[in-house]
Amino acid sequence: MLAKALGHPIRVRIVRMLSHREARVCSEIVHEIPLAQSTVSEHLRILKQAGLIRASTNGTKTGYCIEASALRRMKALAAGL
């Protein structure tokens, strides 16, 4: 599931963006990636479903951040190749 989630360059880009900052809301990600909000939301959903990111809602905004344990697991898998 991790490999499939990272099988798209936009999702890799989102993970890299989130790894440089504590959390971002979807509108901030859309501002940096020239795609429709619905497309970015779909990529975020896939990353969240794979356990690579987590979401927290504050009012009408949802913040996304890296799930550290998933990144550690991914690095361990990559090191074993």
C-alpha atoms as a PDB file:
ATOM      1  CA  MET A   1       0.000   0.000   0.000  1.00  0.00           C
ATOM      2  CA  LEU A   2       2.887   2.385   0.738  1.00  0.00           C
ATOM      3  CA  ALA A   3       4.458   1.860  -2.674  1.00  0.00           C
ATOM      4  CA  LYS A   4       1.145   2.399  -4.435  1.00  0.00           C
ATOM      5  CA  ALA A   5       0.484   5.565  -2.446  1.00  0.00           C
ATOM      6  CA  LEU A   6       3.897   6.918  -3.432  1.00  0.00           C
ATOM      7  CA  GLY A   7       3.563   5.739  -7.016  1.00  0.00           C
ATOM      8  CA  HIS A   8       2.423   9.161  -8.204  1.00  0.00           C
ATOM      9  CA  PRO A   9       4.812  12.121  -8.411  1.00  0.00           C
ATOM     10  CA  ILE A  10       2.269  14.548  -6.947  1.00  0.00           C
ATOM     11  CA  ARG A  11       1.869  12.393  -3.840  1.00  0.00           C
ATOM     12  CA  VAL A  12       5.639  12.214  -3.452  1.00  0.00           C
ATOM     13  CA  ARG A  13       5.725  16.002  -3.740  1.00  0.00           C
ATOM     14  CA  ILE A  14       3.031  16.366  -1.080  1.00  0.00           C
ATOM     15  CA  VAL A  15       4.916  14.073   1.307  1.00  0.00           C
ATOM     16  CA  ARG A  16       8.084  16.108   0.753  1.00  0.00           C
ATOM     17  CA  MET A  17       6.181  19.346   1.391  1.00  0.00           C
ATOM     18  CA  LEU A  18       4.709  18.000   4.605  1.00  0.00           C
ATOM     19  CA  SER A  19       8.069  16.701   5.777  1.00  0.00           C
ATOM     20  CA  HIS A  20       9.449  20.260   5.791  1.00  0.00           C
ATOM     21  CA  ARG A  21       6.733  21.711   7.979  1.00  0.00           C
ATOM     22  CA  GLU A  22       4.672  20.627  10.979  1.00  0.00           C
ATOM     23  CA  ALA A  23       1.272  20.794   9.233  1.00  0.00           C
ATOM     24  CA  ARG A  24      -0.489  22.348   6.277  1.00  0.00           C
ATOM     25  CA  VAL A  25      -4.094  22.840   5.324  1.00  0.00           C
ATOM     26  CA  CYS A  26      -5.338  21.753   1.913  1.00  0.00           C
ATOM     27  CA  SER A  27      -5.544  25.323   0.587  1.00  0.00           C
ATOM     28  CA  GLU A  28      -1.821  25.825   1.306  1.00  0.00           C
ATOM     29  CA  ILE A  29      -0.985  22.652  -0.595  1.00  0.00           C
ATOM     30  CA  VAL A  30      -3.207  23.714  -3.515  1.00  0.00           C
ATOM     31  CA  HIS A  31      -1.410  27.064  -3.569  1.00  0.00           C
ATOM     32  CA  GLU A  32       1.946  25.282  -4.063  1.00  0.00           C
ATOM     33  CA  ILE A  33       0.753  22.591  -6.471  1.00  0.00           C
ATOM     34  CA  PRO A  34      -0.991  23.871  -9.611  1.00  0.00           C
ATOM     35  CA  LEU A  35      -3.874  21.381  -9.506  1.00  0.00           C
ATOM     36  CA  ALA A  36      -7.557  21.642  -8.709  1.00  0.00           C
ATOM     37  CA  GLN A  37      -8.489  21.454  -5.035  1.00  0.00           C
ATOM     38  CA  SER A  38     -10.480  18.283  -5.669  1.00  0.00           C
ATOM     39  CA  THR A  39      -7.438  16.592  -7.234  1.00  0.00           C
ATOM     40  CA  VAL A  40      -5.199  17.543  -4.312  1.00  0.00           C
ATOM     41  CA  SER A  41      -7.862  16.306  -1.897  1.00  0.00           C
ATOM     42  CA  GLU A  42      -7.941  12.952  -3.673  1.00  0.00           C
ATOM     43  CA  HIS A  43      -4.149  12.627  -3.403  1.00  0.00           C
ATOM     44  CA  LEU A  44      -4.361  13.524   0.294  1.00  0.00           C
ATOM     45  CA  ARG A  45      -7.070  10.895   0.784  1.00  0.00           C
ATOM     46  CA  ILE A  46      -4.858   8.211  -0.771  1.00  0.00           C
ATOM     47  CA  LEU A  47      -1.870   9.212   1.374  1.00  0.00           C
ATOM     48  CA  LYS A  48      -4.052   9.213   4.483  1.00  0.00           C
ATOM     49  CA  GLN A  49      -5.552   5.821   3.622  1.00  0.00           C
ATOM     50  CA  ALA A  50      -2.018   4.412   3.263  1.00  0.00           C
ATOM     51  CA  GLY A  51      -1.164   5.782   6.710  1.00  0.00           C
ATOM     52  CA  LEU A  52       1.544   8.146   5.446  1.00  0.00           C
ATOM     53  CA  ILE A  53      -0.189  11.290   6.651  1.00  0.00           C
ATOM     54  CA  ARG A  54      -2.783  12.122   9.252  1.00  0.00           C
ATOM     55  CA  ALA A  55      -5.454  14.770   9.329  1.00  0.00           C
ATOM     56  CA  SER A  56      -6.880  16.900  12.098  1.00  0.00           C
ATOM     57  CA  THR A  57      -9.882  19.147  11.745  1.00  0.00           C
ATOM     58  CA  ASN A  58     -10.149  22.574  13.299  1.00  0.00           C
ATOM     59  CA  GLY A  59     -13.480  24.147  12.443  1.00  0.00           C
ATOM     60  CA  THR A  60     -13.841  24.096   8.667  1.00  0.00           C
ATOM     61  CA  LYS A  61     -10.151  23.511   7.974  1.00  0.00           C
ATOM     62  CA  THR A  62      -8.321  20.216   7.922  1.00  0.00           C
ATOM     63  CA  GLY A  63      -4.607  20.154   8.636  1.00  0.00           C
ATOM     64  CA  TYR A  64      -2.354  17.420   7.280  1.00  0.00           C
ATOM     65  CA  CYS A  65       0.970  16.246   8.636  1.00  0.00           C
ATOM     66  CA  ILE A  66       3.380  13.361   8.203  1.00  0.00           C
ATOM     67  CA  GLU A  67       2.784  10.155  10.140  1.00  0.00           C
ATOM     68  CA  ALA A  68       6.313   9.589  11.463  1.00  0.00           C
ATOM     69  CA  SER A  69       5.923   5.863  12.125  1.00  0.00           C
ATOM     70  CA  ALA A  70       4.870   5.248   8.519  1.00  0.00           C
ATOM     71  CA  LEU A  71       7.910   7.112   7.216  1.00  0.00           C
ATOM     72  CA  ARG A  72      10.190   5.059   9.444  1.00  0.00           C
ATOM     73  CA  ARG A  73       8.570   1.885   8.135  1.00  0.00           C
ATOM     74  CA  MET A  74       8.968   3.072   4.550  1.00  0.00           C
ATOM     75  CA  LYS A  75      12.654   3.897   5.097  1.00  0.00           C
ATOM     76  CA  ALA A  76      13.238   0.458   6.604  1.00  0.00           C
ATOM     77  CA  LEU A  77      11.585  -1.212   3.632  1.00  0.00           C
ATOM     78  CA  ALA A  78      13.649   0.842   1.189  1.00  0.00           C
ATOM     79  CA  ALA A  79      16.861   0.027   3.045  1.00  0.00           C
ATOM     80  CA  GLY A  80      16.096  -3.662   2.681  1.00  0.00           C
ATOM     81  CA  LEU A  81      16.010  -3.488  -1.134  1.00  0.00           C
END
